[in-house]
């Protein structure tokens, strides 16, 4: 019966693979930043090649669009072993959508003003203003 492999041996070999891959990706990212225009280069967060696909990580959606345009030029480089380019967004932290402020409730005076305006308007507009005043009154009681 073969002797079992120690956990330390398995982990150290896997960590060595991961470390080599990270170093390779860092070198690729550096080379691509040097090839990009000065305004675009700082927005390249990382680059990775896997199965013939160059993946570029941009710091925002706006810059990702610019990287999509630059992708063909980067694929033409001799030191990039890829035939396809895709762009992903890798932001520092997720953007939070601000809560929309709650709408103020219309006052009873607003319904009264609508009824006054309905009396002086054309019949069609008057009917619409009266319906709106009734809806406001219902909203206040809800």
N, C-alpha and C. Protein backbone atom coordinates (compact mmCIF):
# COMPACT_ATOMS: atom_id res chain seq x y z
N UNK A 1 0.84 -1.17 0.00
CA UNK A 1 0.00 0.00 0.00
C UNK A 1 0.89 1.24 0.00
N UNK A 2 0.61 2.20 -0.94
CA UNK A 2 1.46 3.39 -1.00
C UNK A 2 1.26 4.28 0.23
N UNK A 3 2.31 4.93 0.55
CA UNK A 3 2.28 5.82 1.71
C UNK A 3 1.48 7.08 1.35
N UNK A 4 0.57 7.55 2.23
CA UNK A 4 -0.21 8.75 1.93
C UNK A 4 0.67 9.99 1.82
N UNK A 5 0.24 10.91 0.98
CA UNK A 5 0.96 12.17 0.80
C UNK A 5 0.55 13.11 1.92
N UNK A 6 1.51 13.78 2.47
CA UNK A 6 1.21 14.69 3.57
C UNK A 6 0.48 15.93 3.05
N UNK A 7 -0.28 16.51 3.93
CA UNK A 7 -1.03 17.73 3.59
C UNK A 7 -0.05 18.85 3.25
N UNK A 8 1.05 18.93 3.97
CA UNK A 8 2.05 19.98 3.71
C UNK A 8 2.61 19.88 2.30
N UNK A 9 2.84 18.65 1.84
CA UNK A 9 3.37 18.45 0.49
C UNK A 9 2.36 18.89 -0.56
N UNK A 10 1.13 18.50 -0.37
CA UNK A 10 0.07 18.86 -1.33
C UNK A 10 -0.11 20.38 -1.36
N UNK A 11 -0.18 20.99 -0.18
CA UNK A 11 -0.38 22.44 -0.12
C UNK A 11 0.81 23.21 -0.69
N UNK A 12 2.00 22.77 -0.39
CA UNK A 12 3.16 23.52 -0.87
C UNK A 12 3.25 23.46 -2.39
N UNK A 13 2.93 22.31 -3.01
CA UNK A 13 2.99 22.25 -4.47
C UNK A 13 1.88 23.10 -5.09
N UNK A 14 0.69 23.08 -4.50
CA UNK A 14 -0.41 23.89 -5.03
C UNK A 14 -0.13 25.38 -4.84
N UNK A 15 0.42 25.74 -3.69
CA UNK A 15 0.76 27.15 -3.45
C UNK A 15 1.85 27.63 -4.40
N UNK A 16 2.78 26.76 -4.74
CA UNK A 16 3.82 27.13 -5.70
C UNK A 16 3.20 27.39 -7.07
N UNK A 17 2.22 26.56 -7.49
CA UNK A 17 1.53 26.78 -8.76
C UNK A 17 0.78 28.11 -8.76
N UNK A 18 0.06 28.36 -7.67
CA UNK A 18 -0.70 29.61 -7.58
C UNK A 18 0.22 30.83 -7.58
N UNK A 19 1.34 30.72 -6.89
CA UNK A 19 2.29 31.82 -6.83
C UNK A 19 2.89 32.10 -8.21
N UNK A 20 3.22 31.04 -8.94
CA UNK A 20 3.77 31.20 -10.29
C UNK A 20 2.73 31.84 -11.22
N UNK A 21 1.47 31.43 -11.10
CA UNK A 21 0.41 32.01 -11.91
C UNK A 21 0.20 33.48 -11.61
N UNK A 22 0.24 33.83 -10.33
CA UNK A 22 0.07 35.23 -9.93
C UNK A 22 1.23 36.08 -10.45
N UNK A 23 2.44 35.55 -10.39
CA UNK A 23 3.60 36.29 -10.90
C UNK A 23 3.49 36.49 -12.41
N UNK A 24 3.04 35.45 -13.10
CA UNK A 24 2.86 35.54 -14.56
C UNK A 24 1.80 36.60 -14.91
N UNK A 25 0.68 36.60 -14.17
CA UNK A 25 -0.37 37.59 -14.42
C UNK A 25 0.12 39.01 -14.12
N UNK A 26 0.90 39.16 -13.07
CA UNK A 26 1.43 40.49 -12.73
C UNK A 26 2.37 40.99 -13.82
N UNK A 27 3.21 40.10 -14.35
CA UNK A 27 4.12 40.49 -15.43
C UNK A 27 3.34 40.87 -16.69
N UNK A 28 2.31 40.10 -17.01
CA UNK A 28 1.48 40.40 -18.18
C UNK A 28 0.79 41.75 -17.99
N UNK A 29 0.27 41.99 -16.81
CA UNK A 29 -0.40 43.27 -16.53
C UNK A 29 0.58 44.43 -16.72
N UNK A 30 1.79 44.27 -16.22
CA UNK A 30 2.81 45.32 -16.38
C UNK A 30 3.11 45.59 -17.85
N UNK A 31 3.30 44.51 -18.63
CA UNK A 31 3.61 44.69 -20.06
C UNK A 31 2.46 45.36 -20.81
N UNK A 32 1.24 44.98 -20.48
CA UNK A 32 0.10 45.58 -21.17
C UNK A 32 -0.08 47.04 -20.79
N UNK A 33 0.16 47.37 -19.53
CA UNK A 33 0.07 48.78 -19.12
C UNK A 33 1.07 49.63 -19.89
N UNK A 34 2.26 49.08 -20.13
CA UNK A 34 3.27 49.82 -20.89
C UNK A 34 2.84 50.02 -22.33
N UNK A 35 2.04 49.09 -22.87
CA UNK A 35 1.61 49.18 -24.26
C UNK A 35 0.38 50.07 -24.43
N UNK A 36 -0.34 50.32 -23.36
CA UNK A 36 -1.56 51.12 -23.44
C UNK A 36 -1.26 52.61 -23.42
N UNK A 37 -2.17 53.43 -23.94
CA UNK A 37 -1.99 54.88 -23.85
C UNK A 37 -1.93 55.31 -22.38
N UNK A 38 -1.23 56.39 -22.12
CA UNK A 38 -1.00 56.85 -20.74
C UNK A 38 -2.30 57.08 -19.97
N UNK A 39 -3.33 57.57 -20.61
CA UNK A 39 -4.59 57.83 -19.91
C UNK A 39 -5.37 56.57 -19.58
N UNK A 40 -5.10 55.51 -20.31
CA UNK A 40 -5.86 54.26 -20.13
C UNK A 40 -5.14 53.28 -19.19
N UNK A 41 -3.84 53.29 -19.21
CA UNK A 41 -3.05 52.31 -18.46
C UNK A 41 -3.37 52.23 -16.97
N UNK A 42 -3.55 53.34 -16.26
CA UNK A 42 -3.81 53.23 -14.82
C UNK A 42 -5.14 52.54 -14.48
N UNK A 43 -6.02 52.41 -15.45
CA UNK A 43 -7.34 51.83 -15.21
C UNK A 43 -7.38 50.33 -15.46
N UNK A 44 -6.25 49.76 -15.87
CA UNK A 44 -6.14 48.31 -16.02
C UNK A 44 -5.77 47.74 -14.66
N UNK A 45 -6.70 47.05 -14.02
CA UNK A 45 -6.46 46.51 -12.68
C UNK A 45 -5.61 45.25 -12.75
N UNK A 46 -5.90 44.37 -13.75
CA UNK A 46 -5.16 43.11 -13.89
C UNK A 46 -5.44 42.54 -15.27
N UNK A 47 -4.61 41.58 -15.66
CA UNK A 47 -4.79 40.87 -16.92
C UNK A 47 -4.46 39.40 -16.69
N UNK A 48 -5.13 38.54 -17.45
CA UNK A 48 -4.95 37.10 -17.28
C UNK A 48 -5.23 36.41 -18.61
N UNK A 49 -4.43 35.41 -18.95
CA UNK A 49 -4.67 34.61 -20.15
C UNK A 49 -4.96 33.18 -19.72
N UNK A 50 -6.07 32.64 -20.23
CA UNK A 50 -6.43 31.27 -19.93
C UNK A 50 -7.17 30.70 -21.13
N UNK A 51 -6.71 29.57 -21.61
CA UNK A 51 -7.34 28.88 -22.75
C UNK A 51 -7.51 29.79 -23.96
N UNK A 52 -6.50 30.60 -24.24
CA UNK A 52 -6.52 31.45 -25.41
C UNK A 52 -7.37 32.70 -25.28
N UNK A 53 -7.84 33.00 -24.07
CA UNK A 53 -8.68 34.18 -23.85
C UNK A 53 -7.93 35.15 -22.94
N UNK A 54 -7.72 36.36 -23.43
CA UNK A 54 -7.12 37.42 -22.63
C UNK A 54 -8.24 38.12 -21.89
N UNK A 55 -8.18 38.12 -20.56
CA UNK A 55 -9.18 38.81 -19.75
C UNK A 55 -8.53 40.05 -19.15
N UNK A 56 -9.14 41.19 -19.43
CA UNK A 56 -8.67 42.47 -18.89
C UNK A 56 -9.66 42.90 -17.81
N UNK A 57 -9.14 43.32 -16.67
CA UNK A 57 -9.98 43.78 -15.58
C UNK A 57 -9.84 45.30 -15.45
N UNK A 58 -10.95 45.99 -15.71
CA UNK A 58 -10.97 47.46 -15.66
C UNK A 58 -11.54 47.91 -14.32
N UNK A 59 -11.25 49.16 -13.95
CA UNK A 59 -11.72 49.63 -12.65
C UNK A 59 -13.12 50.25 -12.69
N UNK A 60 -13.72 50.39 -13.88
CA UNK A 60 -15.10 50.88 -13.96
C UNK A 60 -15.68 50.51 -15.33
N UNK A 61 -16.98 50.62 -15.43
CA UNK A 61 -17.65 50.29 -16.69
C UNK A 61 -17.24 51.24 -17.81
N UNK A 62 -17.02 52.49 -17.48
CA UNK A 62 -16.62 53.46 -18.51
C UNK A 62 -15.28 53.07 -19.12
N UNK A 63 -14.33 52.69 -18.27
CA UNK A 63 -13.01 52.30 -18.78
C UNK A 63 -13.06 50.93 -19.45
N UNK A 64 -13.97 50.08 -19.03
CA UNK A 64 -14.11 48.77 -19.67
C UNK A 64 -14.44 48.92 -21.15
N UNK A 65 -15.26 49.89 -21.47
CA UNK A 65 -15.60 50.14 -22.88
C UNK A 65 -14.35 50.51 -23.67
N UNK A 66 -13.51 51.35 -23.10
CA UNK A 66 -12.27 51.74 -23.78
C UNK A 66 -11.36 50.53 -23.96
N UNK A 67 -11.31 49.63 -22.97
CA UNK A 67 -10.48 48.44 -23.10
C UNK A 67 -11.01 47.51 -24.19
N UNK A 68 -12.31 47.48 -24.39
CA UNK A 68 -12.87 46.64 -25.46
C UNK A 68 -12.35 47.11 -26.83
N UNK A 69 -12.23 48.43 -26.98
CA UNK A 69 -11.70 48.97 -28.23
C UNK A 69 -10.20 48.66 -28.37
N UNK A 70 -9.47 48.67 -27.26
CA UNK A 70 -8.02 48.42 -27.30
C UNK A 70 -7.69 46.94 -27.36
N UNK A 71 -8.66 46.07 -27.15
CA UNK A 71 -8.42 44.63 -27.09
C UNK A 71 -7.76 44.06 -28.33
N UNK A 72 -8.20 44.46 -29.52
CA UNK A 72 -7.63 43.92 -30.76
C UNK A 72 -6.15 44.26 -30.88
N UNK A 73 -5.80 45.47 -30.49
CA UNK A 73 -4.39 45.89 -30.54
C UNK A 73 -3.54 45.07 -29.57
N UNK A 74 -4.09 44.79 -28.41
CA UNK A 74 -3.35 44.01 -27.41
C UNK A 74 -3.20 42.55 -27.85
N UNK A 75 -4.22 42.01 -28.51
CA UNK A 75 -4.14 40.63 -29.00
C UNK A 75 -3.08 40.47 -30.09
N UNK A 76 -2.79 41.54 -30.80
CA UNK A 76 -1.81 41.48 -31.89
C UNK A 76 -0.37 41.44 -31.38
N UNK A 77 -0.17 41.68 -30.10
CA UNK A 77 1.18 41.65 -29.53
C UNK A 77 1.73 40.22 -29.53
N UNK A 78 3.04 40.11 -29.72
CA UNK A 78 3.70 38.80 -29.76
C UNK A 78 3.73 38.12 -28.39
N UNK A 79 3.72 38.91 -27.30
CA UNK A 79 3.85 38.32 -25.98
C UNK A 79 2.50 37.97 -25.34
N UNK A 80 1.41 38.07 -26.11
CA UNK A 80 0.09 37.70 -25.61
C UNK A 80 -0.37 36.46 -26.36
N UNK A 81 -0.45 35.34 -25.66
CA UNK A 81 -0.84 34.08 -26.27
C UNK A 81 -2.35 33.89 -26.18
N UNK A 82 -3.08 34.74 -26.89
CA UNK A 82 -4.54 34.68 -26.86
C UNK A 82 -5.09 35.04 -28.22
N UNK A 83 -6.28 34.53 -28.50
CA UNK A 83 -6.95 34.84 -29.76
C UNK A 83 -8.24 35.61 -29.54
N UNK A 84 -8.66 35.71 -28.30
CA UNK A 84 -9.90 36.39 -27.96
C UNK A 84 -9.67 37.27 -26.73
N UNK A 85 -10.40 38.37 -26.65
CA UNK A 85 -10.26 39.28 -25.53
C UNK A 85 -11.63 39.53 -24.91
N UNK A 86 -11.67 39.49 -23.59
CA UNK A 86 -12.89 39.87 -22.89
C UNK A 86 -12.50 40.84 -21.78
N UNK A 87 -13.46 41.65 -21.39
CA UNK A 87 -13.20 42.68 -20.38
C UNK A 87 -14.18 42.50 -19.23
N UNK A 88 -13.67 42.56 -18.04
CA UNK A 88 -14.48 42.46 -16.82
C UNK A 88 -14.21 43.70 -15.97
N UNK A 89 -15.13 43.98 -15.07
CA UNK A 89 -14.98 45.13 -14.18
C UNK A 89 -14.60 44.62 -12.80
N UNK A 90 -13.57 45.21 -12.25
CA UNK A 90 -13.08 44.84 -10.92
C UNK A 90 -12.95 46.13 -10.12
N UNK A 91 -14.06 46.57 -9.54
CA UNK A 91 -14.08 47.83 -8.79
C UNK A 91 -13.55 47.60 -7.38
N UNK A 92 -13.12 48.68 -6.75
CA UNK A 92 -12.62 48.59 -5.37
C UNK A 92 -13.69 48.11 -4.41
N UNK A 93 -14.83 48.72 -4.47
CA UNK A 93 -15.93 48.30 -3.62
C UNK A 93 -17.22 48.51 -4.39
N UNK A 94 -18.23 47.73 -4.06
CA UNK A 94 -19.48 47.87 -4.82
C UNK A 94 -20.10 49.25 -4.61
N UNK A 95 -20.65 49.75 -5.68
CA UNK A 95 -21.31 51.04 -5.59
C UNK A 95 -22.71 50.83 -5.02
N UNK A 96 -23.06 51.69 -4.11
CA UNK A 96 -24.37 51.59 -3.48
C UNK A 96 -25.31 52.59 -4.14
N UNK A 97 -26.49 52.11 -4.42
CA UNK A 97 -27.50 52.97 -5.02
C UNK A 97 -28.13 53.77 -3.89
N UNK A 98 -28.07 55.09 -4.00
CA UNK A 98 -28.66 55.89 -2.92
C UNK A 98 -30.17 55.67 -2.86
N UNK A 99 -30.67 55.69 -1.66
CA UNK A 99 -32.12 55.55 -1.50
C UNK A 99 -32.79 56.81 -2.01
N UNK A 100 -33.89 56.60 -2.72
CA UNK A 100 -34.60 57.77 -3.22
C UNK A 100 -35.37 58.39 -2.06
N UNK A 101 -35.38 59.70 -2.01
CA UNK A 101 -36.11 60.34 -0.91
C UNK A 101 -37.60 60.05 -1.04
N UNK A 102 -38.25 59.88 0.07
CA UNK A 102 -39.68 59.61 0.02
C UNK A 102 -40.41 60.88 -0.42
N UNK A 103 -41.44 60.67 -1.17
CA UNK A 103 -42.21 61.82 -1.66
C UNK A 103 -43.03 62.40 -0.52
N UNK A 104 -43.10 63.71 -0.47
CA UNK A 104 -43.96 64.30 0.56
C UNK A 104 -45.43 64.04 0.22
N UNK A 105 -46.21 63.82 1.24
CA UNK A 105 -47.64 63.60 1.01
C UNK A 105 -48.31 64.94 0.70
N UNK A 106 -49.16 64.94 -0.30
CA UNK A 106 -49.86 66.19 -0.61
C UNK A 106 -50.80 66.58 0.53
N UNK A 107 -50.93 67.83 0.73
CA UNK A 107 -51.76 68.33 1.84
C UNK A 107 -53.22 68.42 1.41
N UNK A 108 -54.07 68.63 2.38
CA UNK A 108 -55.49 68.82 2.10
C UNK A 108 -55.69 70.10 1.29
N UNK A 109 -54.81 71.06 1.52
CA UNK A 109 -54.91 72.32 0.77
C UNK A 109 -54.67 72.08 -0.72
N UNK A 110 -53.82 71.12 -1.05
CA UNK A 110 -53.55 70.83 -2.46
C UNK A 110 -54.81 70.32 -3.15
N UNK A 111 -55.54 69.45 -2.47
CA UNK A 111 -56.79 68.94 -3.05
C UNK A 111 -57.78 70.09 -3.25
N UNK A 112 -57.84 71.01 -2.27
CA UNK A 112 -58.74 72.17 -2.40
C UNK A 112 -58.35 73.06 -3.57
N UNK A 113 -57.05 73.27 -3.77
CA UNK A 113 -56.59 74.08 -4.90
C UNK A 113 -56.95 73.43 -6.23
N UNK A 114 -56.86 72.10 -6.29
CA UNK A 114 -57.23 71.40 -7.52
C UNK A 114 -58.72 71.58 -7.81
N UNK A 115 -59.56 71.51 -6.77
CA UNK A 115 -61.00 71.70 -6.97
C UNK A 115 -61.31 73.12 -7.42
N UNK A 116 -60.60 74.10 -6.87
CA UNK A 116 -60.79 75.49 -7.31
C UNK A 116 -60.39 75.66 -8.77
N UNK A 117 -59.26 75.04 -9.13
CA UNK A 117 -58.81 75.14 -10.53
C UNK A 117 -59.78 74.43 -11.46
N UNK A 118 -60.41 73.35 -10.99
CA UNK A 118 -61.35 72.60 -11.82
C UNK A 118 -62.56 73.45 -12.17
N UNK A 119 -62.95 74.32 -11.25
CA UNK A 119 -64.14 75.15 -11.49
C UNK A 119 -63.90 76.19 -12.57
N UNK A 120 -62.65 76.58 -12.79
CA UNK A 120 -62.36 77.64 -13.76
C UNK A 120 -61.78 77.10 -15.06
N UNK A 121 -61.65 75.77 -15.20
CA UNK A 121 -61.04 75.18 -16.40
C UNK A 121 -62.10 74.70 -17.37
N UNK A 122 -61.62 74.23 -18.51
CA UNK A 122 -62.52 73.62 -19.49
C UNK A 122 -63.10 72.36 -18.87
N UNK A 123 -64.22 71.86 -19.38
CA UNK A 123 -64.87 70.69 -18.77
C UNK A 123 -63.94 69.45 -18.70
N UNK A 124 -63.17 69.20 -19.75
CA UNK A 124 -62.30 68.02 -19.74
C UNK A 124 -61.20 68.15 -18.68
N UNK A 125 -60.58 69.31 -18.63
CA UNK A 125 -59.51 69.53 -17.64
C UNK A 125 -60.11 69.57 -16.24
N UNK A 126 -61.28 70.17 -16.10
CA UNK A 126 -61.95 70.21 -14.80
C UNK A 126 -62.22 68.81 -14.28
N UNK A 127 -62.72 67.91 -15.17
CA UNK A 127 -62.97 66.52 -14.75
C UNK A 127 -61.68 65.85 -14.30
N UNK A 128 -60.60 66.07 -15.03
CA UNK A 128 -59.31 65.46 -14.67
C UNK A 128 -58.81 66.00 -13.33
N UNK A 129 -58.96 67.31 -13.10
CA UNK A 129 -58.51 67.89 -11.84
C UNK A 129 -59.34 67.39 -10.66
N UNK A 130 -60.67 67.20 -10.87
CA UNK A 130 -61.51 66.67 -9.80
C UNK A 130 -61.12 65.22 -9.47
N UNK A 131 -60.82 64.42 -10.50
CA UNK A 131 -60.37 63.04 -10.24
C UNK A 131 -59.06 63.04 -9.46
N UNK A 132 -58.16 63.94 -9.82
CA UNK A 132 -56.89 64.04 -9.11
C UNK A 132 -57.10 64.47 -7.66
N UNK A 133 -58.01 65.41 -7.43
CA UNK A 133 -58.31 65.86 -6.06
C UNK A 133 -58.88 64.70 -5.24
N UNK A 134 -59.77 63.89 -5.83
CA UNK A 134 -60.32 62.73 -5.11
C UNK A 134 -59.22 61.72 -4.78
N UNK A 135 -58.30 61.51 -5.74
CA UNK A 135 -57.20 60.57 -5.50
C UNK A 135 -56.30 61.07 -4.37
N UNK A 136 -56.04 62.38 -4.32
CA UNK A 136 -55.23 62.95 -3.24
C UNK A 136 -55.91 62.78 -1.89
N UNK A 137 -57.22 62.98 -1.89
CA UNK A 137 -57.99 62.84 -0.65
C UNK A 137 -57.93 61.39 -0.15
N UNK A 138 -58.04 60.43 -1.08
CA UNK A 138 -57.94 59.00 -0.69
C UNK A 138 -56.55 58.68 -0.17
N UNK A 139 -55.53 59.26 -0.77
CA UNK A 139 -54.15 59.00 -0.36
C UNK A 139 -53.88 59.52 1.07
N UNK A 140 -54.53 60.63 1.40
CA UNK A 140 -54.33 61.21 2.73
C UNK A 140 -54.95 60.32 3.81
N UNK A 141 -56.02 59.65 3.50
CA UNK A 141 -56.69 58.80 4.49
C UNK A 141 -56.02 57.42 4.59
N UNK A 142 -55.22 57.06 3.59
CA UNK A 142 -54.58 55.73 3.59
C UNK A 142 -53.37 55.69 4.49
